[in-house]
Amino acid sequence: MTSKNMSARSSEVNRGGVLGMRTIGCGHAAMEQFSSMMNMGCMTFNSYSGHVRKLRDSVKIESHRSMQLAMEELKRFYEPWDDGTWDVAVSGDGTWRKRGHMSFHGVSTLVGIMTGKIVDVEVLSSHCFDCSRWDERKGTPEYAQWKEKHQGQCSRNYSGTAGRMEAEAVSWMFDRSLDVHGVRYL
């Protein structure tokens, strides 16, 4: 899963390898181990991270498009109010990366009652791996420079217990429903 002469095809193969690893819940270390067992070279961590970012961006775009279509389908079951908004019935559910309400990461979704399709999603994280890595350098000029660049990229968007993540995420989705979809969730 490495190639000296990067072509469009080899980049596609590398991206597919990264997607495969991420799909089964593994990261770069597992890819290195797999590549070693197959007697193949492995891409660098930076290369791997670049593919993860591109995949993440593609998934965000496609999931947003899919949820917009699901919302348009859901609206067909309801009559709009005079102000052009809808009241739509949804059901919420959440999950955590680890069991037992001990996780740093959680995901909550809202599903249209009439369609069974996901119309909104929120990912919460009470931990940022980059921040943890840089904590030991607090107070240095390098840290200040890094922190400024990191401001819009920090994955930590929640402070609270893992057990409250699901309810908090659902609350955030309800709060933004009018702005994002022009609907009120019921």
Protein backbone atom coordinates (compact mmCIF):
# COMPACT_ATOMS: atom_id res chain seq x y z
CA MET A 1 0.00 0.00 0.00
CA THR A 2 2.78 2.28 -0.93
CA SER A 3 4.00 3.33 -4.28
CA LYS A 4 7.14 5.12 -5.39
CA ASN A 5 5.55 6.46 -8.59
CA MET A 6 2.26 7.93 -7.48
CA SER A 7 -0.33 7.69 -10.21
CA ALA A 8 -4.06 8.24 -10.04
CA ARG A 9 -4.54 4.46 -9.84
CA SER A 10 -2.04 3.89 -7.03
CA SER A 11 -3.50 6.79 -5.07
CA GLU A 12 -6.92 5.18 -5.52
CA VAL A 13 -5.56 1.85 -4.23
CA ASN A 14 -3.97 3.59 -1.24
CA ARG A 15 -7.20 5.44 -0.47
CA GLY A 16 -9.10 2.15 -0.72
CA GLY A 17 -6.66 0.56 1.72
CA VAL A 18 -7.19 3.41 4.19
CA LEU A 19 -10.97 3.17 3.74
CA GLY A 20 -10.80 -0.58 4.39
CA MET A 21 -8.80 -0.09 7.58
CA ARG A 22 -11.10 2.66 8.84
CA THR A 23 -14.20 0.60 7.98
CA ILE A 24 -13.06 -2.26 10.22
CA GLY A 25 -12.08 0.15 12.99
CA CYS A 26 -8.32 0.00 12.48
CA GLY A 27 -5.74 2.71 11.93
CA HIS A 28 -2.25 3.18 10.56
CA ALA A 29 -0.60 0.77 13.01
CA ALA A 30 -2.90 -2.05 11.85
CA MET A 31 -2.20 -1.11 8.22
CA GLU A 32 1.55 -1.34 8.92
CA GLN A 33 1.10 -4.75 10.52
CA PHE A 34 -1.07 -6.02 7.65
CA SER A 35 1.36 -4.68 5.05
CA SER A 36 4.26 -6.35 6.84
CA MET A 37 2.45 -9.71 6.90
CA MET A 38 1.75 -9.35 3.18
CA ASN A 39 5.43 -8.44 2.57
CA MET A 40 4.43 -5.03 1.19
CA GLY A 41 5.60 -1.54 2.00
CA CYS A 42 3.22 0.73 3.88
CA MET A 43 2.46 4.39 3.42
CA THR A 44 3.73 6.86 6.01
CA PHE A 45 1.53 8.06 8.84
CA ASN A 46 1.31 11.51 7.21
CA SER A 47 0.16 9.96 3.93
CA TYR A 48 -2.37 7.83 5.80
CA SER A 49 -3.66 10.91 7.65
CA GLY A 50 -4.02 12.80 4.37
CA HIS A 51 -6.18 10.01 2.94
CA VAL A 52 -8.27 9.96 6.14
CA ARG A 53 -8.88 13.72 5.80
CA LYS A 54 -9.94 13.39 2.15
CA LEU A 55 -12.24 10.47 2.97
CA ARG A 56 -13.72 12.40 5.89
CA ASP A 57 -14.41 15.41 3.69
CA SER A 58 -16.08 13.23 1.04
CA VAL A 59 -18.20 11.45 3.65
CA LYS A 60 -19.31 14.78 5.14
CA ILE A 61 -20.42 16.07 1.74
CA GLU A 62 -22.26 12.89 0.82
CA SER A 63 -23.91 12.44 4.23
CA HIS A 64 -25.11 16.06 4.17
CA ARG A 65 -26.60 15.53 0.70
CA SER A 66 -28.22 12.27 1.78
CA MET A 67 -29.77 13.85 4.90
CA GLN A 68 -31.09 16.78 2.86
CA LEU A 69 -32.82 14.34 0.49
CA ALA A 70 -34.18 12.35 3.45
CA MET A 71 -35.57 15.55 4.97
CA GLU A 72 -37.25 16.54 1.70
CA GLU A 73 -38.85 13.07 1.58
CA LEU A 74 -39.98 13.38 5.21
CA LYS A 75 -41.55 16.81 4.61
CA ARG A 76 -43.90 15.25 2.02
CA PHE A 77 -45.76 13.54 4.88
CA TYR A 78 -46.58 16.86 6.57
CA GLU A 79 -48.29 20.14 5.71
CA PRO A 80 -46.21 23.31 6.08
CA TRP A 81 -47.31 26.11 8.37
CA ASP A 82 -48.14 29.52 6.91
CA ASP A 83 -44.57 30.68 7.61
CA GLY A 84 -43.16 27.86 5.42
CA THR A 85 -41.91 25.69 8.28
CA TRP A 86 -42.88 22.13 9.09
CA ASP A 87 -43.35 20.19 12.30
CA VAL A 88 -41.92 16.70 11.70
CA ALA A 89 -41.78 13.69 13.98
CA VAL A 90 -38.34 12.18 14.59
CA SER A 91 -36.83 9.56 16.82
CA GLY A 92 -33.38 9.94 18.37
CA ASP A 93 -30.72 7.39 19.19
CA GLY A 94 -27.11 7.51 20.22
CA THR A 95 -24.08 5.32 20.58
CA TRP A 96 -20.61 5.60 22.03
CA ARG A 97 -17.22 4.43 20.83
CA LYS A 98 -16.84 2.37 24.01
CA ARG A 99 -19.51 0.68 26.08
CA GLY A 100 -20.51 1.57 29.59
CA HIS A 101 -20.79 5.36 29.36
CA MET A 102 -16.99 5.70 29.54
CA SER A 103 -16.26 6.96 26.04
CA PHE A 104 -14.73 10.22 24.87
CA HIS A 105 -16.73 10.00 21.62
CA GLY A 106 -20.42 9.60 20.88
CA VAL A 107 -22.80 9.91 17.93
CA SER A 108 -26.49 10.72 17.99
CA THR A 109 -28.89 10.55 15.06
CA LEU A 110 -32.42 11.67 14.38
CA VAL A 111 -34.55 9.44 12.16
CA GLY A 112 -37.77 10.53 10.44
CA ILE A 113 -40.66 8.56 11.94
CA MET A 114 -42.47 8.30 8.61
CA THR A 115 -39.44 7.34 6.49
CA GLY A 116 -37.00 5.58 8.79
CA LYS A 117 -34.21 7.64 7.23
CA ILE A 118 -31.56 9.65 9.07
CA VAL A 119 -32.25 13.38 8.81
CA ASP A 120 -29.67 14.75 11.26
CA VAL A 121 -26.54 13.61 13.05
CA GLU A 122 -24.22 15.02 15.69
CA VAL A 123 -20.82 13.69 16.72
CA LEU A 124 -19.63 14.70 20.18
CA SER A 125 -16.12 14.40 21.50
CA SER A 126 -14.83 15.32 24.93
CA HIS A 127 -11.27 14.59 23.86
CA CYS A 128 -8.90 15.83 21.15
CA PHE A 129 -5.90 13.64 20.40
CA ASP A 130 -3.93 16.57 18.97
CA CYS A 131 -4.52 18.67 22.09
CA SER A 132 -3.36 15.76 24.27
CA ARG A 133 -0.18 15.41 22.22
CA TRP A 134 0.59 19.12 22.53
CA ASP A 135 -0.31 19.48 26.25
CA GLU A 136 3.27 18.82 27.36
CA ARG A 137 4.46 21.80 25.28
CA LYS A 138 2.09 24.36 26.79
CA GLY A 139 3.78 27.72 27.35
CA THR A 140 6.24 27.33 24.46
CA PRO A 141 6.24 29.49 21.32
CA GLU A 142 5.64 26.34 19.23
CA TYR A 143 2.54 25.55 21.28
CA ALA A 144 1.12 29.05 20.80
CA GLN A 145 1.68 28.81 17.05
CA TRP A 146 0.12 25.33 16.90
CA LYS A 147 -2.85 26.35 19.08
CA GLU A 148 -3.67 29.26 16.76
CA LYS A 149 -3.76 26.95 13.71
CA HIS A 150 -5.68 24.28 15.64
CA GLN A 151 -8.56 26.56 16.76
CA GLY A 152 -10.94 25.65 13.93
CA GLN A 153 -9.84 22.02 13.79
CA CYS A 154 -10.14 20.85 17.39
CA SER A 155 -12.35 17.77 17.65
CA ARG A 156 -13.34 18.52 21.26
CA ASN A 157 -16.83 19.99 21.15
CA TYR A 158 -18.30 18.66 24.39
CA SER A 159 -17.44 18.81 28.07
CA GLY A 160 -19.53 16.62 30.27
CA THR A 161 -20.11 12.98 31.04
CA ALA A 162 -20.38 10.31 28.37
CA GLY A 163 -23.77 9.38 29.75
CA ARG A 164 -25.12 12.85 28.85
CA MET A 165 -23.71 12.89 25.32
CA GLU A 166 -26.78 11.41 23.63
CA ALA A 167 -29.24 13.82 25.24
CA GLU A 168 -26.96 16.80 24.64
CA ALA A 169 -26.49 15.95 20.95
CA VAL A 170 -30.24 15.50 20.45
CA SER A 171 -30.83 18.85 22.14
CA TRP A 172 -28.32 20.55 19.80
CA MET A 173 -30.06 19.03 16.76
CA PHE A 174 -33.48 20.19 17.98
CA ASP A 175 -32.07 23.70 18.57
CA ARG A 176 -30.69 24.00 15.02
CA SER A 177 -33.58 22.32 13.19
CA LEU A 178 -35.19 25.55 11.98
CA ASP A 179 -31.90 27.02 10.75
CA VAL A 180 -30.69 23.85 9.02
CA HIS A 181 -33.89 22.31 7.65
CA GLY A 182 -36.68 24.84 8.20
CA VAL A 183 -38.47 22.33 10.45
CA ARG A 184 -39.28 21.85 14.11
CA TYR A 185 -38.57 18.38 15.35
CA LEU A 186 -41.31 16.71 17.40
